[in-house]
Amino acid sequence: GDVNEVTGRGRHTSSSSSALKIPEGGWIIDTPGVRSFGLGHVSSASVIKGFPELLPLVENCPRACSHTADTPGCEIEKALASGDLSGIDAARAQSLQMLMETLRDAAEHRNY
């Protein structure tokens, strides 16, 4: 479809909601009119629960660890850096880090 030269966004072509199950697990959801969604209403604990395979690492992190790539002592970052993920998909660990960074940044923005 066409892309708006000013916004760089395409036109919505969806006219009804649909959900596609991904064989590896998860869903792709297409909803008319929704371009993105925020995480401001989601707690970090809820996000972490979405990554059950990472819980053993998270449980060994320092208290108040934000589980982001720049957090000293984060067990997730240590595992990624060493390559010792014990069968955990690195992309999943990185996804958790990115979501946690988004939550942290949103919290910092609210405090201004």
N, C-alpha and C. Protein backbone atom coordinates (compact mmCIF):
# COMPACT_ATOMS: atom_id res chain seq x y z
N GLY A 1 0.81 -1.18 0.00
CA GLY A 1 0.00 0.00 0.00
C GLY A 1 0.86 1.25 0.00
N ASP A 2 0.19 2.36 -0.11
CA ASP A 2 0.86 3.66 -0.13
C ASP A 2 1.34 4.05 1.26
N VAL A 3 2.45 4.77 1.28
CA VAL A 3 3.01 5.28 2.53
C VAL A 3 2.95 6.80 2.50
N ASN A 4 2.45 7.40 3.55
CA ASN A 4 2.37 8.85 3.67
C ASN A 4 3.78 9.41 3.75
N GLU A 5 4.11 10.36 2.88
CA GLU A 5 5.47 10.91 2.84
C GLU A 5 5.79 11.72 4.09
N VAL A 6 4.80 12.32 4.72
CA VAL A 6 5.02 13.14 5.91
C VAL A 6 5.22 12.27 7.15
N THR A 7 4.33 11.31 7.36
CA THR A 7 4.38 10.50 8.59
C THR A 7 5.20 9.24 8.43
N GLY A 8 5.38 8.78 7.18
CA GLY A 8 6.10 7.53 6.96
C GLY A 8 5.27 6.31 7.31
N ARG A 9 3.97 6.50 7.48
CA ARG A 9 3.09 5.40 7.85
C ARG A 9 2.21 4.99 6.68
N GLY A 10 1.84 3.73 6.68
CA GLY A 10 0.93 3.23 5.66
C GLY A 10 -0.51 3.44 6.06
N ARG A 11 -1.39 3.18 5.11
CA ARG A 11 -2.82 3.27 5.36
C ARG A 11 -3.32 1.97 5.96
N HIS A 12 -4.25 2.08 6.90
CA HIS A 12 -4.84 0.87 7.47
C HIS A 12 -5.73 0.21 6.42
N THR A 13 -5.53 -1.07 6.24
CA THR A 13 -6.37 -1.80 5.29
C THR A 13 -7.23 -2.84 5.99
N SER A 14 -7.01 -3.07 7.26
CA SER A 14 -7.82 -4.04 8.00
C SER A 14 -9.22 -3.49 8.22
N SER A 15 -10.21 -4.33 8.02
CA SER A 15 -11.58 -3.91 8.28
C SER A 15 -12.22 -4.72 9.39
N SER A 16 -11.56 -5.79 9.80
CA SER A 16 -12.05 -6.59 10.93
C SER A 16 -10.85 -7.16 11.68
N SER A 17 -11.08 -7.50 12.93
CA SER A 17 -10.01 -8.06 13.76
C SER A 17 -9.74 -9.50 13.37
N SER A 18 -8.48 -9.90 13.46
CA SER A 18 -8.13 -11.30 13.24
C SER A 18 -6.97 -11.67 14.13
N ALA A 19 -6.90 -12.95 14.46
CA ALA A 19 -5.81 -13.47 15.29
C ALA A 19 -5.25 -14.71 14.61
N LEU A 20 -3.94 -14.74 14.45
CA LEU A 20 -3.27 -15.87 13.82
C LEU A 20 -2.36 -16.53 14.84
N LYS A 21 -2.58 -17.82 15.06
CA LYS A 21 -1.73 -18.56 16.01
C LYS A 21 -0.41 -18.91 15.33
N ILE A 22 0.69 -18.64 16.04
CA ILE A 22 2.02 -18.95 15.54
C ILE A 22 2.37 -20.37 16.00
N PRO A 23 2.79 -21.25 15.09
CA PRO A 23 3.07 -22.63 15.47
C PRO A 23 4.09 -22.77 16.61
N GLU A 24 5.08 -21.86 16.66
CA GLU A 24 6.10 -21.92 17.70
C GLU A 24 5.58 -21.41 19.04
N GLY A 25 4.38 -20.87 19.06
CA GLY A 25 3.80 -20.31 20.27
C GLY A 25 3.58 -18.82 20.12
N GLY A 26 2.46 -18.35 20.56
CA GLY A 26 2.14 -16.93 20.49
C GLY A 26 1.09 -16.64 19.44
N TRP A 27 0.76 -15.38 19.32
CA TRP A 27 -0.28 -14.94 18.41
C TRP A 27 0.14 -13.66 17.70
N ILE A 28 -0.34 -13.47 16.49
CA ILE A 28 -0.26 -12.19 15.79
C ILE A 28 -1.70 -11.70 15.71
N ILE A 29 -1.93 -10.50 16.20
CA ILE A 29 -3.29 -9.95 16.23
C ILE A 29 -3.32 -8.69 15.39
N ASP A 30 -4.27 -8.63 14.47
CA ASP A 30 -4.46 -7.46 13.61
C ASP A 30 -5.81 -6.84 13.96
N THR A 31 -5.78 -5.61 14.42
CA THR A 31 -6.99 -4.91 14.82
C THR A 31 -7.06 -3.59 14.07
N PRO A 32 -8.16 -3.32 13.38
CA PRO A 32 -8.27 -2.06 12.64
C PRO A 32 -8.08 -0.85 13.54
N GLY A 33 -7.28 0.10 13.08
CA GLY A 33 -7.10 1.35 13.80
C GLY A 33 -6.04 1.35 14.88
N VAL A 34 -5.48 0.20 15.20
CA VAL A 34 -4.46 0.13 16.25
C VAL A 34 -3.09 0.02 15.60
N ARG A 35 -2.25 1.03 15.80
CA ARG A 35 -0.89 1.02 15.25
C ARG A 35 0.12 0.49 16.26
N SER A 36 -0.13 0.77 17.52
CA SER A 36 0.80 0.35 18.56
C SER A 36 0.06 0.35 19.89
N PHE A 37 0.72 -0.16 20.91
CA PHE A 37 0.15 -0.14 22.25
C PHE A 37 1.26 0.12 23.24
N GLY A 38 0.90 0.65 24.38
CA GLY A 38 1.89 0.95 25.40
C GLY A 38 1.89 -0.08 26.51
N LEU A 39 2.87 0.03 27.36
CA LEU A 39 3.00 -0.89 28.49
C LEU A 39 2.84 -0.19 29.82
N GLY A 40 2.37 1.05 29.80
CA GLY A 40 2.27 1.83 31.03
C GLY A 40 1.41 1.21 32.10
N HIS A 41 0.49 0.37 31.72
CA HIS A 41 -0.43 -0.26 32.68
C HIS A 41 0.05 -1.65 33.13
N VAL A 42 1.21 -2.07 32.65
CA VAL A 42 1.71 -3.42 32.94
C VAL A 42 2.87 -3.33 33.93
N SER A 43 2.85 -4.18 34.94
CA SER A 43 3.95 -4.18 35.91
C SER A 43 5.12 -5.00 35.38
N SER A 44 6.30 -4.71 35.89
CA SER A 44 7.48 -5.47 35.47
C SER A 44 7.34 -6.94 35.85
N ALA A 45 6.71 -7.21 36.98
CA ALA A 45 6.50 -8.61 37.40
C ALA A 45 5.62 -9.35 36.40
N SER A 46 4.61 -8.67 35.87
CA SER A 46 3.74 -9.29 34.87
C SER A 46 4.49 -9.59 33.58
N VAL A 47 5.35 -8.67 33.18
CA VAL A 47 6.15 -8.88 31.97
C VAL A 47 7.06 -10.09 32.16
N ILE A 48 7.72 -10.16 33.29
CA ILE A 48 8.64 -11.27 33.57
C ILE A 48 7.91 -12.61 33.55
N LYS A 49 6.67 -12.64 34.05
CA LYS A 49 5.88 -13.88 34.04
C LYS A 49 5.63 -14.39 32.63
N GLY A 50 5.72 -13.50 31.64
CA GLY A 50 5.56 -13.91 30.25
C GLY A 50 6.79 -14.62 29.68
N PHE A 51 7.84 -14.71 30.48
CA PHE A 51 9.09 -15.35 30.07
C PHE A 51 9.48 -16.40 31.12
N PRO A 52 8.65 -17.44 31.30
CA PRO A 52 8.89 -18.39 32.39
C PRO A 52 10.25 -19.09 32.31
N GLU A 53 10.79 -19.25 31.11
CA GLU A 53 12.09 -19.92 30.98
C GLU A 53 13.23 -19.07 31.52
N LEU A 54 12.99 -17.76 31.71
CA LEU A 54 14.03 -16.87 32.24
C LEU A 54 13.94 -16.69 33.75
N LEU A 55 12.89 -17.22 34.37
CA LEU A 55 12.72 -17.05 35.82
C LEU A 55 13.92 -17.53 36.64
N PRO A 56 14.54 -18.68 36.30
CA PRO A 56 15.72 -19.09 37.09
C PRO A 56 16.84 -18.05 37.08
N LEU A 57 17.02 -17.36 35.97
CA LEU A 57 18.04 -16.30 35.91
C LEU A 57 17.59 -15.10 36.72
N VAL A 58 16.34 -14.68 36.52
CA VAL A 58 15.80 -13.50 37.21
C VAL A 58 15.88 -13.67 38.72
N GLU A 59 15.60 -14.88 39.20
CA GLU A 59 15.61 -15.13 40.65
C GLU A 59 16.99 -14.96 41.26
N ASN A 60 18.04 -15.06 40.45
CA ASN A 60 19.41 -14.91 40.96
C ASN A 60 19.98 -13.51 40.72
N CYS A 61 19.17 -12.61 40.20
CA CYS A 61 19.62 -11.24 39.97
C CYS A 61 19.69 -10.48 41.30
N PRO A 62 20.49 -9.42 41.34
CA PRO A 62 20.54 -8.59 42.54
C PRO A 62 19.17 -7.96 42.82
N ARG A 63 18.92 -7.66 44.08
CA ARG A 63 17.67 -6.99 44.45
C ARG A 63 17.56 -5.68 43.67
N ALA A 64 16.37 -5.37 43.23
CA ALA A 64 16.07 -4.15 42.47
C ALA A 64 16.71 -4.15 41.08
N CYS A 65 17.07 -5.30 40.56
CA CYS A 65 17.62 -5.39 39.20
C CYS A 65 16.52 -5.02 38.21
N SER A 66 16.87 -4.20 37.23
CA SER A 66 15.87 -3.80 36.23
C SER A 66 15.85 -4.76 35.03
N HIS A 67 16.77 -5.72 35.00
CA HIS A 67 16.85 -6.73 33.93
C HIS A 67 17.02 -6.10 32.55
N THR A 68 17.80 -5.03 32.50
CA THR A 68 18.12 -4.39 31.23
C THR A 68 19.60 -4.63 30.92
N ALA A 69 19.97 -4.38 29.68
CA ALA A 69 21.34 -4.67 29.25
C ALA A 69 22.38 -3.85 30.01
N ASP A 70 21.99 -2.72 30.56
CA ASP A 70 22.96 -1.85 31.25
C ASP A 70 22.93 -1.98 32.77
N THR A 71 22.27 -3.01 33.28
CA THR A 71 22.18 -3.19 34.73
C THR A 71 23.34 -4.05 35.23
N PRO A 72 24.21 -3.51 36.08
CA PRO A 72 25.32 -4.30 36.62
C PRO A 72 24.81 -5.51 37.41
N GLY A 73 25.39 -6.65 37.15
CA GLY A 73 25.06 -7.85 37.91
C GLY A 73 23.83 -8.59 37.44
N CYS A 74 23.17 -8.12 36.39
CA CYS A 74 21.97 -8.79 35.89
C CYS A 74 22.35 -10.16 35.33
N GLU A 75 21.70 -11.20 35.83
CA GLU A 75 22.01 -12.56 35.41
C GLU A 75 21.62 -12.81 33.95
N ILE A 76 20.60 -12.13 33.47
CA ILE A 76 20.22 -12.27 32.06
C ILE A 76 21.33 -11.74 31.17
N GLU A 77 21.84 -10.57 31.50
CA GLU A 77 22.92 -9.98 30.71
C GLU A 77 24.19 -10.82 30.80
N LYS A 78 24.49 -11.35 31.99
CA LYS A 78 25.66 -12.22 32.13
C LYS A 78 25.54 -13.45 31.23
N ALA A 79 24.35 -14.06 31.21
CA ALA A 79 24.13 -15.25 30.39
C ALA A 79 24.25 -14.92 28.91
N LEU A 80 23.70 -13.79 28.50
CA LEU A 80 23.82 -13.38 27.10
C LEU A 80 25.28 -13.12 26.72
N ALA A 81 26.01 -12.43 27.58
CA ALA A 81 27.40 -12.08 27.30
C ALA A 81 28.29 -13.32 27.22
N SER A 82 28.02 -14.30 28.08
CA SER A 82 28.85 -15.50 28.10
C SER A 82 28.40 -16.55 27.09
N GLY A 83 27.17 -16.40 26.59
CA GLY A 83 26.63 -17.41 25.69
C GLY A 83 26.13 -18.64 26.40
N ASP A 84 26.14 -18.62 27.72
CA ASP A 84 25.70 -19.76 28.53
C ASP A 84 24.23 -19.58 28.90
N LEU A 85 23.35 -19.84 27.93
CA LEU A 85 21.92 -19.64 28.14
C LEU A 85 21.18 -20.91 28.51
N SER A 86 21.89 -22.02 28.62
CA SER A 86 21.29 -23.30 29.02
C SER A 86 20.02 -23.61 28.24
N GLY A 87 20.09 -23.48 26.93
CA GLY A 87 18.95 -23.82 26.09
C GLY A 87 17.91 -22.72 25.93
N ILE A 88 18.12 -21.59 26.57
CA ILE A 88 17.18 -20.47 26.45
C ILE A 88 17.47 -19.72 25.15
N ASP A 89 16.44 -19.38 24.42
CA ASP A 89 16.58 -18.63 23.18
C ASP A 89 17.07 -17.21 23.48
N ALA A 90 18.21 -16.84 22.92
CA ALA A 90 18.79 -15.51 23.16
C ALA A 90 17.83 -14.40 22.75
N ALA A 91 17.07 -14.62 21.68
CA ALA A 91 16.11 -13.60 21.23
C ALA A 91 15.05 -13.35 22.29
N ARG A 92 14.65 -14.38 23.01
CA ARG A 92 13.66 -14.21 24.09
C ARG A 92 14.26 -13.39 25.22
N ALA A 93 15.51 -13.67 25.57
CA ALA A 93 16.17 -12.92 26.64
C ALA A 93 16.30 -11.45 26.25
N GLN A 94 16.67 -11.21 25.00
CA GLN A 94 16.80 -9.83 24.52
C GLN A 94 15.44 -9.14 24.45
N SER A 95 14.40 -9.87 24.11
CA SER A 95 13.05 -9.29 24.10
C SER A 95 12.64 -8.85 25.49
N LEU A 96 12.93 -9.68 26.49
CA LEU A 96 12.62 -9.29 27.87
C LEU A 96 13.38 -8.03 28.24
N GLN A 97 14.66 -7.97 27.90
CA GLN A 97 15.44 -6.77 28.21
C GLN A 97 14.84 -5.53 27.56
N MET A 98 14.42 -5.64 26.31
CA MET A 98 13.84 -4.48 25.62
C MET A 98 12.53 -4.05 26.26
N LEU A 99 11.69 -5.01 26.64
CA LEU A 99 10.44 -4.66 27.30
C LEU A 99 10.69 -4.00 28.65
N MET A 100 11.68 -4.51 29.38
CA MET A 100 12.00 -3.92 30.68
C MET A 100 12.57 -2.51 30.51
N GLU A 101 13.34 -2.28 29.45
CA GLU A 101 13.84 -0.93 29.16
C GLU A 101 12.68 0.01 28.85
N THR A 102 11.70 -0.48 28.10
CA THR A 102 10.52 0.32 27.78
C THR A 102 9.77 0.71 29.05
N LEU A 103 9.59 -0.25 29.95
CA LEU A 103 8.92 0.04 31.22
C LEU A 103 9.70 1.06 32.04
N ARG A 104 11.02 0.88 32.11
CA ARG A 104 11.86 1.80 32.87
C ARG A 104 11.78 3.21 32.29
N ASP A 105 11.88 3.31 30.96
CA ASP A 105 11.84 4.61 30.31
C ASP A 105 10.48 5.29 30.52
N ALA A 106 9.41 4.50 30.46
CA ALA A 106 8.07 5.06 30.68
C ALA A 106 7.93 5.58 32.11
N ALA A 107 8.47 4.84 33.07
CA ALA A 107 8.41 5.27 34.47
C ALA A 107 9.20 6.55 34.67
N GLU A 108 10.37 6.64 34.05
CA GLU A 108 11.19 7.85 34.16
C GLU A 108 10.47 9.04 33.53
N HIS A 109 9.80 8.80 32.42
CA HIS A 109 9.08 9.88 31.73
C HIS A 109 7.91 10.38 32.59
N ARG A 110 7.22 9.46 33.27
CA ARG A 110 6.10 9.85 34.15
C ARG A 110 6.59 10.68 35.33
N ASN A 111 7.82 10.47 35.76
CA ASN A 111 8.34 11.17 36.93
C ASN A 111 8.83 12.58 36.61
N TYR A 112 8.83 12.97 35.35
CA TYR A 112 9.27 14.33 34.99
C TYR A 112 8.16 15.31 35.14
